[in-house]
Structure formats: C-alpha cells, structure tokens
Amino acid sequence: MRLLVKELRIMWINLNTLLIWVQDWCTFQWCVSVTKFMTCTFWSYLGLLGELMVYFM
C-alpha cells in the first residue's frame, strides 16, 4: 500500500512537471507569434504610411 502511494506521488510530480513544461512552451509560442504579428503589422503600417506620403507629395 505504501509503495502504491509512493508511485502515485511520483506520477503526480511528473504530471505537474509536464503541465508546467507545456504551459511554458505554449506561452513561448504565443510570445513568438505575437512578436511576429507585431513586426508584420509594424512593417505593413510603415509601408502604408510610405505609400500615403508618396501619394500626398
């Protein structure tokens, strides 16, 4: 019985570690995609501004 409790505890710790790792990875992916999105948006706005300036000059 005691061995079973020990095994369960180890499994529980492993599961928690895995969950933390998955969360970290998702957060990291999200940060990367947000950065990509911001960069793309920034450059497209810059391009739009450039076109507008050329258009109005």
N, C-alpha and C. Protein backbone atom coordinates (compact mmCIF):
# COMPACT_ATOMS: atom_id res chain seq x y z
N MET A 1 0.84 -1.21 0.00
CA MET A 1 0.00 0.00 0.00
C MET A 1 0.88 1.26 0.00
N ARG A 2 1.91 1.26 0.83
CA ARG A 2 2.80 2.40 0.92
C ARG A 2 3.52 2.64 -0.40
N LEU A 3 3.90 1.54 -1.05
CA LEU A 3 4.59 1.61 -2.34
C LEU A 3 3.69 2.27 -3.38
N LEU A 4 2.41 1.90 -3.35
CA LEU A 4 1.43 2.47 -4.28
C LEU A 4 1.33 3.98 -4.11
N VAL A 5 1.30 4.42 -2.86
CA VAL A 5 1.23 5.86 -2.56
C VAL A 5 2.47 6.55 -3.12
N LYS A 6 3.62 5.93 -2.93
CA LYS A 6 4.88 6.49 -3.42
C LYS A 6 4.85 6.61 -4.95
N GLU A 7 4.39 5.56 -5.61
CA GLU A 7 4.28 5.55 -7.06
C GLU A 7 3.35 6.66 -7.55
N LEU A 8 2.21 6.77 -6.88
CA LEU A 8 1.24 7.80 -7.24
C LEU A 8 1.83 9.19 -7.09
N ARG A 9 2.59 9.38 -6.02
CA ARG A 9 3.21 10.67 -5.76
C ARG A 9 4.20 11.00 -6.88
N ILE A 10 4.99 10.03 -7.28
CA ILE A 10 5.96 10.22 -8.36
C ILE A 10 5.23 10.56 -9.66
N MET A 11 4.17 9.82 -9.95
CA MET A 11 3.38 10.09 -11.16
C MET A 11 2.80 11.50 -11.13
N TRP A 12 2.32 11.90 -9.96
CA TRP A 12 1.71 13.22 -9.78
C TRP A 12 2.75 14.32 -10.03
N ILE A 13 3.94 14.15 -9.48
CA ILE A 13 5.03 15.11 -9.68
C ILE A 13 5.40 15.19 -11.17
N ASN A 14 5.49 14.03 -11.81
CA ASN A 14 5.81 14.01 -13.24
C ASN A 14 4.75 14.73 -14.06
N LEU A 15 3.50 14.49 -13.71
CA LEU A 15 2.38 15.12 -14.41
C LEU A 15 2.44 16.64 -14.26
N ASN A 16 2.68 17.09 -13.04
CA ASN A 16 2.79 18.52 -12.79
C ASN A 16 3.93 19.16 -13.57
N THR A 17 5.08 18.46 -13.58
CA THR A 17 6.24 18.95 -14.32
C THR A 17 5.88 19.07 -15.80
N LEU A 18 5.21 18.06 -16.32
CA LEU A 18 4.81 18.06 -17.72
C LEU A 18 3.86 19.22 -18.02
N LEU A 19 2.90 19.42 -17.12
CA LEU A 19 1.95 20.51 -17.31
C LEU A 19 2.64 21.87 -17.32
N ILE A 20 3.58 22.07 -16.38
CA ILE A 20 4.33 23.33 -16.32
C ILE A 20 5.10 23.52 -17.62
N TRP A 21 5.74 22.44 -18.10
CA TRP A 21 6.53 22.49 -19.33
C TRP A 21 5.63 22.87 -20.51
N VAL A 22 4.48 22.23 -20.60
CA VAL A 22 3.53 22.52 -21.69
C VAL A 22 3.08 23.97 -21.63
N GLN A 23 2.77 24.45 -20.43
CA GLN A 23 2.36 25.85 -20.24
C GLN A 23 3.45 26.80 -20.71
N ASP A 24 4.69 26.52 -20.29
CA ASP A 24 5.83 27.36 -20.68
C ASP A 24 5.97 27.39 -22.19
N TRP A 25 5.86 26.21 -22.80
CA TRP A 25 6.03 26.10 -24.24
C TRP A 25 4.94 26.89 -24.96
N CYS A 26 3.71 26.78 -24.50
CA CYS A 26 2.59 27.50 -25.10
C CYS A 26 2.79 29.01 -24.96
N THR A 27 3.23 29.43 -23.77
CA THR A 27 3.48 30.85 -23.53
C THR A 27 4.56 31.34 -24.49
N PHE A 28 5.61 30.53 -24.63
CA PHE A 28 6.72 30.88 -25.51
C PHE A 28 6.23 31.01 -26.95
N GLN A 29 5.45 30.03 -27.41
CA GLN A 29 4.90 30.05 -28.77
C GLN A 29 4.03 31.29 -28.97
N TRP A 30 3.23 31.59 -27.97
CA TRP A 30 2.33 32.74 -28.03
C TRP A 30 3.14 34.03 -28.16
N CYS A 31 4.22 34.12 -27.34
CA CYS A 31 5.09 35.30 -27.41
C CYS A 31 5.69 35.44 -28.79
N VAL A 32 6.16 34.33 -29.35
CA VAL A 32 6.77 34.34 -30.68
C VAL A 32 5.76 34.80 -31.71
N SER A 33 4.54 34.25 -31.66
CA SER A 33 3.53 34.60 -32.66
C SER A 33 3.10 36.06 -32.50
N VAL A 34 3.00 36.53 -31.25
CA VAL A 34 2.63 37.92 -31.03
C VAL A 34 3.71 38.85 -31.58
N THR A 35 4.98 38.48 -31.32
CA THR A 35 6.10 39.28 -31.83
C THR A 35 6.08 39.32 -33.34
N LYS A 36 5.86 38.15 -33.96
CA LYS A 36 5.78 38.07 -35.42
C LYS A 36 4.65 38.96 -35.93
N PHE A 37 3.51 38.86 -35.28
CA PHE A 37 2.33 39.62 -35.67
C PHE A 37 2.61 41.13 -35.58
N MET A 38 3.22 41.54 -34.44
CA MET A 38 3.55 42.95 -34.23
C MET A 38 4.50 43.44 -35.31
N THR A 39 5.53 42.63 -35.58
CA THR A 39 6.53 43.01 -36.57
C THR A 39 5.89 43.17 -37.94
N CYS A 40 5.08 42.19 -38.32
CA CYS A 40 4.41 42.24 -39.62
C CYS A 40 3.49 43.45 -39.70
N THR A 41 2.72 43.68 -38.63
CA THR A 41 1.81 44.82 -38.60
C THR A 41 2.58 46.12 -38.71
N PHE A 42 3.69 46.21 -37.96
CA PHE A 42 4.52 47.41 -37.97
C PHE A 42 5.02 47.70 -39.38
N TRP A 43 5.56 46.67 -40.05
CA TRP A 43 6.10 46.89 -41.40
C TRP A 43 5.01 47.21 -42.41
N SER A 44 3.84 46.59 -42.27
CA SER A 44 2.77 46.89 -43.23
C SER A 44 2.25 48.32 -43.01
N TYR A 45 2.18 48.75 -41.74
CA TYR A 45 1.77 50.14 -41.47
C TYR A 45 2.80 51.11 -42.03
N LEU A 46 4.08 50.75 -41.88
CA LEU A 46 5.16 51.60 -42.38
C LEU A 46 5.05 51.71 -43.89
N GLY A 47 4.77 50.59 -44.54
CA GLY A 47 4.62 50.58 -45.99
C GLY A 47 3.43 51.43 -46.41
N LEU A 48 2.34 51.33 -45.66
CA LEU A 48 1.13 52.10 -45.93
C LEU A 48 1.40 53.59 -45.79
N LEU A 49 2.11 53.95 -44.71
CA LEU A 49 2.47 55.34 -44.47
C LEU A 49 3.34 55.87 -45.61
N GLY A 50 4.30 55.05 -46.02
CA GLY A 50 5.18 55.43 -47.12
C GLY A 50 4.38 55.70 -48.39
N GLU A 51 3.45 54.82 -48.69
CA GLU A 51 2.61 54.98 -49.88
C GLU A 51 1.77 56.25 -49.79
N LEU A 52 1.20 56.50 -48.61
CA LEU A 52 0.39 57.69 -48.41
C LEU A 52 1.22 58.96 -48.58
N MET A 53 2.44 58.95 -48.04
CA MET A 53 3.31 60.12 -48.16
C MET A 53 3.66 60.37 -49.62
N VAL A 54 3.95 59.31 -50.36
CA VAL A 54 4.25 59.44 -51.79
C VAL A 54 3.02 59.98 -52.52
N TYR A 55 1.86 59.49 -52.11
CA TYR A 55 0.60 59.87 -52.75
C TYR A 55 0.29 61.35 -52.52
N PHE A 56 0.56 61.84 -51.31
CA PHE A 56 0.21 63.23 -50.98
C PHE A 56 1.26 64.25 -51.40
N MET A 57 2.48 63.80 -51.72
CA MET A 57 3.54 64.75 -52.08
C MET A 57 3.40 65.21 -53.52
